[in-house]
């Protein structure tokens, strides 16, 4: 499992201890923490190497920034979502995320046909 987050160098410092205390059945040692490629250049050189996607086996050609690409779309519904209660806001955001994922699945067909 690979966990990509802008500040993973800070976020994962004590996460193993926390997981051992609160979630003893989950083996957190199987998780590799990385920093997305675009954010890595803002980190110290040690972080750039230790948390780099370039040096992470098995991730392929990944930049770790995919979730942020959806923000532009989700920002369009933020004014409506702000007025909703928690359950309705969750349903609205989930519906939009499902639509984004469906669009990605449809686009895969066109992509594979073009190969």
Foldseek 3Di string as FASTA:
>chain_A
DEAEDLPQVVVVPCVCVVCCVPPVPDDCVVYQYAYFPVSLVVDDPVNCPRRPPVPDPPPPPDRSCVVVVCVVVVVVCVVVLVPDDPVVSVVVVVVVVVVVVVVVVVVVVVVVVVD
